[in-house]
């Protein structure tokens, strides 16, 4: 198994350390948000009350999912 060592010289670098350690958590949280939007785009379920999504909710969820993927791609990141 490979090992990785992260070194930070000062206490001020704690933010960078936390970001490095929590990277996977951020990925999971974003994926969960995307899946919530997917409920609307694929199944027509409203995020608000789990009833049938309106046309506007559908369009907004679709655009947000597209934007998420656009941002991830800009950073060479992908869900799959």
PDB file of N, CA and C in Angstrom:
ATOM      1  N   UNK A   1       0.849  -1.174   0.000  1.00  0.00           N
ATOM      2  CA  UNK A   1       0.000   0.000   0.000  1.00  0.00           C
ATOM      3  C   UNK A   1       0.896   1.239   0.000  1.00  0.00           C
ATOM      4  N   UNK A   2       0.546   2.205  -0.821  1.00  0.00           N
ATOM      5  CA  UNK A   2       1.321   3.445  -0.907  1.00  0.00           C
ATOM      6  C   UNK A   2       1.056   4.325   0.304  1.00  0.00           C
ATOM      7  N   UNK A   3       2.075   5.089   0.677  1.00  0.00           N
ATOM      8  CA  UNK A   3       1.938   6.024   1.784  1.00  0.00           C
ATOM      9  C   UNK A   3       2.223   7.422   1.270  1.00  0.00           C
ATOM     10  N   UNK A   4       1.496   8.380   1.823  1.00  0.00           N
ATOM     11  CA  UNK A   4       1.679   9.784   1.458  1.00  0.00           C
ATOM     12  C   UNK A   4       1.930  10.569   2.727  1.00  0.00           C
ATOM     13  N   UNK A   5       2.900  11.457   2.684  1.00  0.00           N
ATOM     14  CA  UNK A   5       3.203  12.300   3.830  1.00  0.00           C
ATOM     15  C   UNK A   5       2.893  13.747   3.461  1.00  0.00           C
ATOM     16  N   UNK A   6       2.078  14.397   4.289  1.00  0.00           N
ATOM     17  CA  UNK A   6       1.765  15.804   4.103  1.00  0.00           C
ATOM     18  C   UNK A   6       2.499  16.589   5.172  1.00  0.00           C
ATOM     19  N   UNK A   7       3.231  17.609   4.745  1.00  0.00           N
ATOM     20  CA  UNK A   7       3.963  18.424   5.704  1.00  0.00           C
ATOM     21  C   UNK A   7       3.514  19.875   5.604  1.00  0.00           C
ATOM     22  N   UNK A   8       3.255  20.463   6.768  1.00  0.00           N
ATOM     23  CA  UNK A   8       2.885  21.858   6.860  1.00  0.00           C
ATOM     24  C   UNK A   8       3.776  22.487   7.928  1.00  0.00           C
ATOM     25  N   UNK A   9       4.372  23.610   7.606  1.00  0.00           N
ATOM     26  CA  UNK A   9       5.396  24.201   8.467  1.00  0.00           C
ATOM     27  C   UNK A   9       4.855  25.014   9.635  1.00  0.00           C
ATOM     28  N   UNK A  10       3.706  25.619   9.486  1.00  0.00           N
ATOM     29  CA  UNK A  10       3.228  26.513  10.538  1.00  0.00           C
ATOM     30  C   UNK A  10       1.772  26.226  10.888  1.00  0.00           C
ATOM     31  N   UNK A  11       1.372  26.740  12.018  1.00  0.00           N
ATOM     32  CA  UNK A  11      -0.010  26.598  12.458  1.00  0.00           C
ATOM     33  C   UNK A  11      -0.949  27.312  11.489  1.00  0.00           C
ATOM     34  N   UNK A  12      -0.463  28.382  10.860  1.00  0.00           N
ATOM     35  CA  UNK A  12      -1.277  29.136   9.911  1.00  0.00           C
ATOM     36  C   UNK A  12      -1.681  28.286   8.708  1.00  0.00           C
ATOM     37  N   UNK A  13      -0.944  27.224   8.470  1.00  0.00           N
ATOM     38  CA  UNK A  13      -1.260  26.353   7.344  1.00  0.00           C
ATOM     39  C   UNK A  13      -2.326  25.304   7.698  1.00  0.00           C
ATOM     40  N   UNK A  14      -2.927  25.458   8.852  1.00  0.00           N
ATOM     41  CA  UNK A  14      -3.944  24.501   9.300  1.00  0.00           C
ATOM     42  C   UNK A  14      -5.106  24.403   8.324  1.00  0.00           C
ATOM     43  N   UNK A  15      -5.470  25.504   7.684  1.00  0.00           N
ATOM     44  CA  UNK A  15      -6.563  25.489   6.713  1.00  0.00           C
ATOM     45  C   UNK A  15      -6.214  24.577   5.547  1.00  0.00           C
ATOM     46  N   UNK A  16      -4.992  24.681   5.051  1.00  0.00           N
ATOM     47  CA  UNK A  16      -4.554  23.828   3.962  1.00  0.00           C
ATOM     48  C   UNK A  16      -4.518  22.357   4.384  1.00  0.00           C
ATOM     49  N   UNK A  17      -4.089  22.123   5.602  1.00  0.00           N
ATOM     50  CA  UNK A  17      -4.065  20.761   6.127  1.00  0.00           C
ATOM     51  C   UNK A  17      -5.476  20.191   6.181  1.00  0.00           C
ATOM     52  N   UNK A  18      -6.393  20.968   6.714  1.00  0.00           N
ATOM     53  CA  UNK A  18      -7.775  20.497   6.822  1.00  0.00           C
ATOM     54  C   UNK A  18      -8.356  20.218   5.438  1.00  0.00           C
ATOM     55  N   UNK A  19      -8.086  21.089   4.463  1.00  0.00           N
ATOM     56  CA  UNK A  19      -8.570  20.885   3.099  1.00  0.00           C
ATOM     57  C   UNK A  19      -7.992  19.595   2.505  1.00  0.00           C
ATOM     58  N   UNK A  20      -6.713  19.352   2.745  1.00  0.00           N
ATOM     59  CA  UNK A  20      -6.071  18.141   2.232  1.00  0.00           C
ATOM     60  C   UNK A  20      -6.684  16.886   2.854  1.00  0.00           C
ATOM     61  N   UNK A  21      -6.959  16.944   4.133  1.00  0.00           N
ATOM     62  CA  UNK A  21      -7.520  15.783   4.823  1.00  0.00           C
ATOM     63  C   UNK A  21      -8.992  15.558   4.513  1.00  0.00           C
ATOM     64  N   UNK A  22      -9.719  16.631   4.235  1.00  0.00           N
ATOM     65  CA  UNK A  22     -11.160  16.530   4.018  1.00  0.00           C
ATOM     66  C   UNK A  22     -11.563  16.462   2.549  1.00  0.00           C
ATOM     67  N   UNK A  23     -10.615  16.329   1.643  1.00  0.00           N
ATOM     68  CA  UNK A  23     -10.926  16.294   0.214  1.00  0.00           C
ATOM     69  C   UNK A  23     -11.994  15.281  -0.145  1.00  0.00           C
ATOM     70  N   UNK A  24     -11.883  14.077   0.393  1.00  0.00           N
ATOM     71  CA  UNK A  24     -12.854  13.034   0.095  1.00  0.00           C
ATOM     72  C   UNK A  24     -14.246  13.414   0.617  1.00  0.00           C
ATOM     73  N   UNK A  25     -14.291  14.031   1.777  1.00  0.00           N
ATOM     74  CA  UNK A  25     -15.581  14.442   2.343  1.00  0.00           C
ATOM     75  C   UNK A  25     -16.264  15.468   1.441  1.00  0.00           C
ATOM     76  N   UNK A  26     -15.473  16.403   0.902  1.00  0.00           N
ATOM     77  CA  UNK A  26     -16.025  17.392  -0.028  1.00  0.00           C
ATOM     78  C   UNK A  26     -16.578  16.702  -1.270  1.00  0.00           C
ATOM     79  N   UNK A  27     -15.862  15.730  -1.784  1.00  0.00           N
ATOM     80  CA  UNK A  27     -16.304  15.007  -2.975  1.00  0.00           C
ATOM     81  C   UNK A  27     -17.617  14.274  -2.699  1.00  0.00           C
ATOM     82  N   UNK A  28     -17.716  13.628  -1.559  1.00  0.00           N
ATOM     83  CA  UNK A  28     -18.936  12.904  -1.205  1.00  0.00           C
ATOM     84  C   UNK A  28     -20.106  13.866  -1.029  1.00  0.00           C
ATOM     85  N   UNK A  29     -19.868  14.995  -0.371  1.00  0.00           N
ATOM     86  CA  UNK A  29     -20.937  15.974  -0.155  1.00  0.00           C
ATOM     87  C   UNK A  29     -21.452  16.518  -1.490  1.00  0.00           C
ATOM     88  N   UNK A  30     -20.548  16.829  -2.410  1.00  0.00           N
ATOM     89  CA  UNK A  30     -20.960  17.338  -3.718  1.00  0.00           C
ATOM     90  C   UNK A  30     -21.706  16.268  -4.496  1.00  0.00           C
ATOM     91  N   UNK A  31     -21.248  15.036  -4.407  1.00  0.00           N
ATOM     92  CA  UNK A  31     -21.926  13.929  -5.084  1.00  0.00           C
ATOM     93  C   UNK A  31     -23.345  13.753  -4.534  1.00  0.00           C
ATOM     94  N   UNK A  32     -23.497  13.861  -3.218  1.00  0.00           N
ATOM     95  CA  UNK A  32     -24.822  13.734  -2.608  1.00  0.00           C
ATOM     96  C   UNK A  32     -25.753  14.865  -3.077  1.00  0.00           C
ATOM     97  N   UNK A  33     -25.214  16.077  -3.186  1.00  0.00           N
ATOM     98  CA  UNK A  33     -26.009  17.190  -3.700  1.00  0.00           C
ATOM     99  C   UNK A  33     -26.438  16.910  -5.138  1.00  0.00           C
ATOM    100  N   UNK A  34     -25.509  16.421  -5.950  1.00  0.00           N
ATOM    101  CA  UNK A  34     -25.829  16.083  -7.333  1.00  0.00           C
ATOM    102  C   UNK A  34     -26.919  15.009  -7.392  1.00  0.00           C
ATOM    103  N   UNK A  35     -26.850  14.024  -6.505  1.00  0.00           N
ATOM    104  CA  UNK A  35     -27.866  12.974  -6.479  1.00  0.00           C
ATOM    105  C   UNK A  35     -29.233  13.512  -6.065  1.00  0.00           C
ATOM    106  N   UNK A  36     -29.232  14.503  -5.189  1.00  0.00           N
ATOM    107  CA  UNK A  36     -30.490  15.152  -4.808  1.00  0.00           C
ATOM    108  C   UNK A  36     -31.099  15.838  -6.022  1.00  0.00           C
ATOM    109  N   UNK A  37     -30.280  16.532  -6.794  1.00  0.00           N
ATOM    110  CA  UNK A  37     -30.762  17.174  -8.023  1.00  0.00           C
ATOM    111  C   UNK A  37     -31.212  16.121  -9.030  1.00  0.00           C
ATOM    112  N   UNK A  38     -30.554  14.983  -9.051  1.00  0.00           N
ATOM    113  CA  UNK A  38     -30.912  13.904  -9.973  1.00  0.00           C
ATOM    114  C   UNK A  38     -32.327  13.394  -9.707  1.00  0.00           C
ATOM    115  N   UNK A  39     -32.717  13.374  -8.449  1.00  0.00           N
ATOM    116  CA  UNK A  39     -34.088  12.967  -8.114  1.00  0.00           C
ATOM    117  C   UNK A  39     -35.102  13.806  -8.886  1.00  0.00           C
ATOM    118  N   UNK A  40     -34.768  15.077  -9.086  1.00  0.00           N
ATOM    119  CA  UNK A  40     -35.667  15.960  -9.827  1.00  0.00           C
ATOM    120  C   UNK A  40     -35.550  15.724 -11.325  1.00  0.00           C
ATOM    121  N   UNK A  41     -34.326  15.653 -11.839  1.00  0.00           N
ATOM    122  CA  UNK A  41     -34.158  15.544 -13.290  1.00  0.00           C
ATOM    123  C   UNK A  41     -34.526  14.166 -13.832  1.00  0.00           C
ATOM    124  N   UNK A  42     -34.343  13.134 -13.058  1.00  0.00           N
ATOM    125  CA  UNK A  42     -34.616  11.781 -13.554  1.00  0.00           C
ATOM    126  C   UNK A  42     -35.983  11.237 -13.139  1.00  0.00           C
ATOM    127  N   UNK A  43     -36.390  11.595 -11.944  1.00  0.00           N
ATOM    128  CA  UNK A  43     -37.631  11.014 -11.418  1.00  0.00           C
ATOM    129  C   UNK A  43     -38.752  12.033 -11.229  1.00  0.00           C
ATOM    130  N   UNK A  44     -38.436  13.309 -11.461  1.00  0.00           N
ATOM    131  CA  UNK A  44     -39.455  14.343 -11.343  1.00  0.00           C
ATOM    132  C   UNK A  44     -39.892  14.624  -9.915  1.00  0.00           C
ATOM    133  N   UNK A  45     -38.995  14.389  -8.946  1.00  0.00           N
ATOM    134  CA  UNK A  45     -39.320  14.578  -7.532  1.00  0.00           C
ATOM    135  C   UNK A  45     -38.821  15.947  -7.074  1.00  0.00           C
ATOM    136  N   UNK A  46     -39.700  16.708  -6.445  1.00  0.00           N
ATOM    137  CA  UNK A  46     -39.343  18.026  -5.927  1.00  0.00           C
ATOM    138  C   UNK A  46     -38.405  17.899  -4.738  1.00  0.00           C
ATOM    139  N   UNK A  47     -37.383  18.733  -4.711  1.00  0.00           N
ATOM    140  CA  UNK A  47     -36.445  18.754  -3.590  1.00  0.00           C
ATOM    141  C   UNK A  47     -37.137  19.290  -2.335  1.00  0.00           C
ATOM    142  N   UNK A  48     -38.079  20.172  -2.532  1.00  0.00           N
ATOM    143  CA  UNK A  48     -38.732  20.864  -1.427  1.00  0.00           C
ATOM    144  C   UNK A  48     -39.648  19.950  -0.619  1.00  0.00           C
ATOM    145  N   UNK A  49     -40.552  19.269  -1.291  1.00  0.00           N
ATOM    146  CA  UNK A  49     -41.550  18.503  -0.536  1.00  0.00           C
ATOM    147  C   UNK A  49     -41.740  17.065  -1.033  1.00  0.00           C
ATOM    148  N   UNK A  50     -40.852  16.613  -1.898  1.00  0.00           N
ATOM    149  CA  UNK A  50     -40.894  15.259  -2.449  1.00  0.00           C
ATOM    150  C   UNK A  50     -42.150  14.983  -3.280  1.00  0.00           C
ATOM    151  N   UNK A  51     -42.910  16.036  -3.619  1.00  0.00           N
ATOM    152  CA  UNK A  51     -44.047  15.899  -4.518  1.00  0.00           C
ATOM    153  C   UNK A  51     -43.522  15.952  -5.953  1.00  0.00           C
ATOM    154  N   UNK A  52     -44.430  16.045  -6.901  1.00  0.00           N
ATOM    155  CA  UNK A  52     -44.010  16.144  -8.302  1.00  0.00           C
ATOM    156  C   UNK A  52     -43.341  17.500  -8.541  1.00  0.00           C
ATOM    157  N   UNK A  53     -42.201  17.480  -9.193  1.00  0.00           N
ATOM    158  CA  UNK A  53     -41.444  18.704  -9.468  1.00  0.00           C
ATOM    159  C   UNK A  53     -42.123  19.515 -10.561  1.00  0.00           C
ATOM    160  N   UNK A  54     -42.076  20.831 -10.405  1.00  0.00           N
ATOM    161  CA  UNK A  54     -42.610  21.715 -11.446  1.00  0.00           C
ATOM    162  C   UNK A  54     -41.616  21.777 -12.599  1.00  0.00           C
ATOM    163  N   UNK A  55     -42.060  22.335 -13.719  1.00  0.00           N
ATOM    164  CA  UNK A  55     -41.166  22.497 -14.870  1.00  0.00           C
ATOM    165  C   UNK A  55     -39.969  23.370 -14.516  1.00  0.00           C
ATOM    166  N   UNK A  56     -40.205  24.402 -13.724  1.00  0.00           N
ATOM    167  CA  UNK A  56     -39.114  25.299 -13.324  1.00  0.00           C
ATOM    168  C   UNK A  56     -38.110  24.553 -12.458  1.00  0.00           C
ATOM    169  N   UNK A  57     -38.591  23.766 -11.491  1.00  0.00           N
ATOM    170  CA  UNK A  57     -37.686  22.981 -10.644  1.00  0.00           C
ATOM    171  C   UNK A  57     -36.852  22.028 -11.488  1.00  0.00           C
ATOM    172  N   UNK A  58     -37.496  21.393 -12.451  1.00  0.00           N
ATOM    173  CA  UNK A  58     -36.791  20.466 -13.333  1.00  0.00           C
ATOM    174  C   UNK A  58     -35.679  21.189 -14.084  1.00  0.00           C
ATOM    175  N   UNK A  59     -35.991  22.329 -14.681  1.00  0.00           N
ATOM    176  CA  UNK A  59     -35.005  23.083 -15.462  1.00  0.00           C
ATOM    177  C   UNK A  59     -33.854  23.587 -14.597  1.00  0.00           C
ATOM    178  N   UNK A  60     -34.172  24.079 -13.406  1.00  0.00           N
ATOM    179  CA  UNK A  60     -33.128  24.577 -12.503  1.00  0.00           C
ATOM    180  C   UNK A  60     -32.224  23.427 -12.058  1.00  0.00           C
ATOM    181  N   UNK A  61     -32.804  22.298 -11.682  1.00  0.00           N
ATOM    182  CA  UNK A  61     -32.008  21.145 -11.259  1.00  0.00           C
ATOM    183  C   UNK A  61     -31.101  20.677 -12.397  1.00  0.00           C
ATOM    184  N   UNK A  62     -31.628  20.652 -13.597  1.00  0.00           N
ATOM    185  CA  UNK A  62     -30.844  20.240 -14.759  1.00  0.00           C
ATOM    186  C   UNK A  62     -29.662  21.182 -14.988  1.00  0.00           C
ATOM    187  N   UNK A  63     -29.906  22.489 -14.892  1.00  0.00           N
ATOM    188  CA  UNK A  63     -28.840  23.480 -15.089  1.00  0.00           C
ATOM    189  C   UNK A  63     -27.782  23.386 -13.996  1.00  0.00           C
ATOM    190  N   UNK A  64     -28.202  23.178 -12.749  1.00  0.00           N
ATOM    191  CA  UNK A  64     -27.236  23.032 -11.657  1.00  0.00           C
ATOM    192  C   UNK A  64     -26.379  21.789 -11.847  1.00  0.00           C
ATOM    193  N   UNK A  65     -26.979  20.694 -12.289  1.00  0.00           N
ATOM    194  CA  UNK A  65     -26.188  19.479 -12.534  1.00  0.00           C
ATOM    195  C   UNK A  65     -25.173  19.726 -13.638  1.00  0.00           C
ATOM    196  N   UNK A  66     -25.576  20.427 -14.678  1.00  0.00           N
ATOM    197  CA  UNK A  66     -24.650  20.756 -15.762  1.00  0.00           C
ATOM    198  C   UNK A  66     -23.512  21.640 -15.252  1.00  0.00           C
ATOM    199  N   UNK A  67     -23.854  22.625 -14.428  1.00  0.00           N
ATOM    200  CA  UNK A  67     -22.841  23.545 -13.898  1.00  0.00           C
ATOM    201  C   UNK A  67     -21.858  22.823 -12.983  1.00  0.00           C
ATOM    202  N   UNK A  68     -22.340  21.918 -12.158  1.00  0.00           N
ATOM    203  CA  UNK A  68     -21.466  21.133 -11.288  1.00  0.00           C
ATOM    204  C   UNK A  68     -20.431  20.401 -12.128  1.00  0.00           C
ATOM    205  N   UNK A  69     -20.890  19.742 -13.189  1.00  0.00           N
ATOM    206  CA  UNK A  69     -19.968  18.991 -14.041  1.00  0.00           C
ATOM    207  C   UNK A  69     -18.993  19.908 -14.782  1.00  0.00           C
ATOM    208  N   UNK A  70     -19.464  21.064 -15.192  1.00  0.00           N
ATOM    209  CA  UNK A  70     -18.599  22.038 -15.861  1.00  0.00           C
ATOM    210  C   UNK A  70     -17.471  22.491 -14.925  1.00  0.00           C
ATOM    211  N   UNK A  71     -17.823  22.813 -13.696  1.00  0.00           N
ATOM    212  CA  UNK A  71     -16.819  23.253 -12.713  1.00  0.00           C
ATOM    213  C   UNK A  71     -15.835  22.126 -12.412  1.00  0.00           C
ATOM    214  N   UNK A  72     -16.341  20.925 -12.205  1.00  0.00           N
ATOM    215  CA  UNK A  72     -15.462  19.788 -11.932  1.00  0.00           C
ATOM    216  C   UNK A  72     -14.504  19.556 -13.093  1.00  0.00           C
ATOM    217  N   UNK A  73     -15.029  19.610 -14.301  1.00  0.00           N
ATOM    218  CA  UNK A  73     -14.188  19.384 -15.481  1.00  0.00           C
ATOM    219  C   UNK A  73     -13.091  20.442 -15.592  1.00  0.00           C
ATOM    220  N   UNK A  74     -13.411  21.692 -15.255  1.00  0.00           N
ATOM    221  CA  UNK A  74     -12.400  22.760 -15.279  1.00  0.00           C
ATOM    222  C   UNK A  74     -11.225  22.445 -14.355  1.00  0.00           C
ATOM    223  N   UNK A  75     -11.498  21.677 -13.304  1.00  0.00           N
ATOM    224  CA  UNK A  75     -10.465  21.310 -12.336  1.00  0.00           C
ATOM    225  C   UNK A  75      -9.970  19.883 -12.541  1.00  0.00           C
ATOM    226  N   UNK A  76     -10.356  19.306 -13.692  1.00  0.00           N
ATOM    227  CA  UNK A  76      -9.964  17.944 -14.037  1.00  0.00           C
ATOM    228  C   UNK A  76     -10.431  16.931 -12.985  1.00  0.00           C
ATOM    229  N   UNK A  77     -11.656  17.122 -12.510  1.00  0.00           N
ATOM    230  CA  UNK A  77     -12.279  16.235 -11.537  1.00  0.00           C
ATOM    231  C   UNK A  77     -13.552  15.658 -12.145  1.00  0.00           C
ATOM    232  N   UNK A  78     -13.887  14.435 -11.759  1.00  0.00           N
ATOM    233  CA  UNK A  78     -15.074  13.770 -12.303  1.00  0.00           C
ATOM    234  C   UNK A  78     -15.682  12.889 -11.229  1.00  0.00           C
ATOM    235  N   UNK A  79     -17.012  12.740 -11.249  1.00  0.00           N
ATOM    236  CA  UNK A  79     -17.683  11.852 -10.301  1.00  0.00           C
ATOM    237  C   UNK A  79     -17.375  10.403 -10.623  1.00  0.00           C
ATOM    238  N   UNK A  80     -17.447  10.036 -11.881  1.00  0.00           N
ATOM    239  CA  UNK A  80     -17.297   8.640 -12.285  1.00  0.00           C
ATOM    240  C   UNK A  80     -15.853   8.261 -12.387  1.00  0.00           C
TER     241      UNK A  80
END
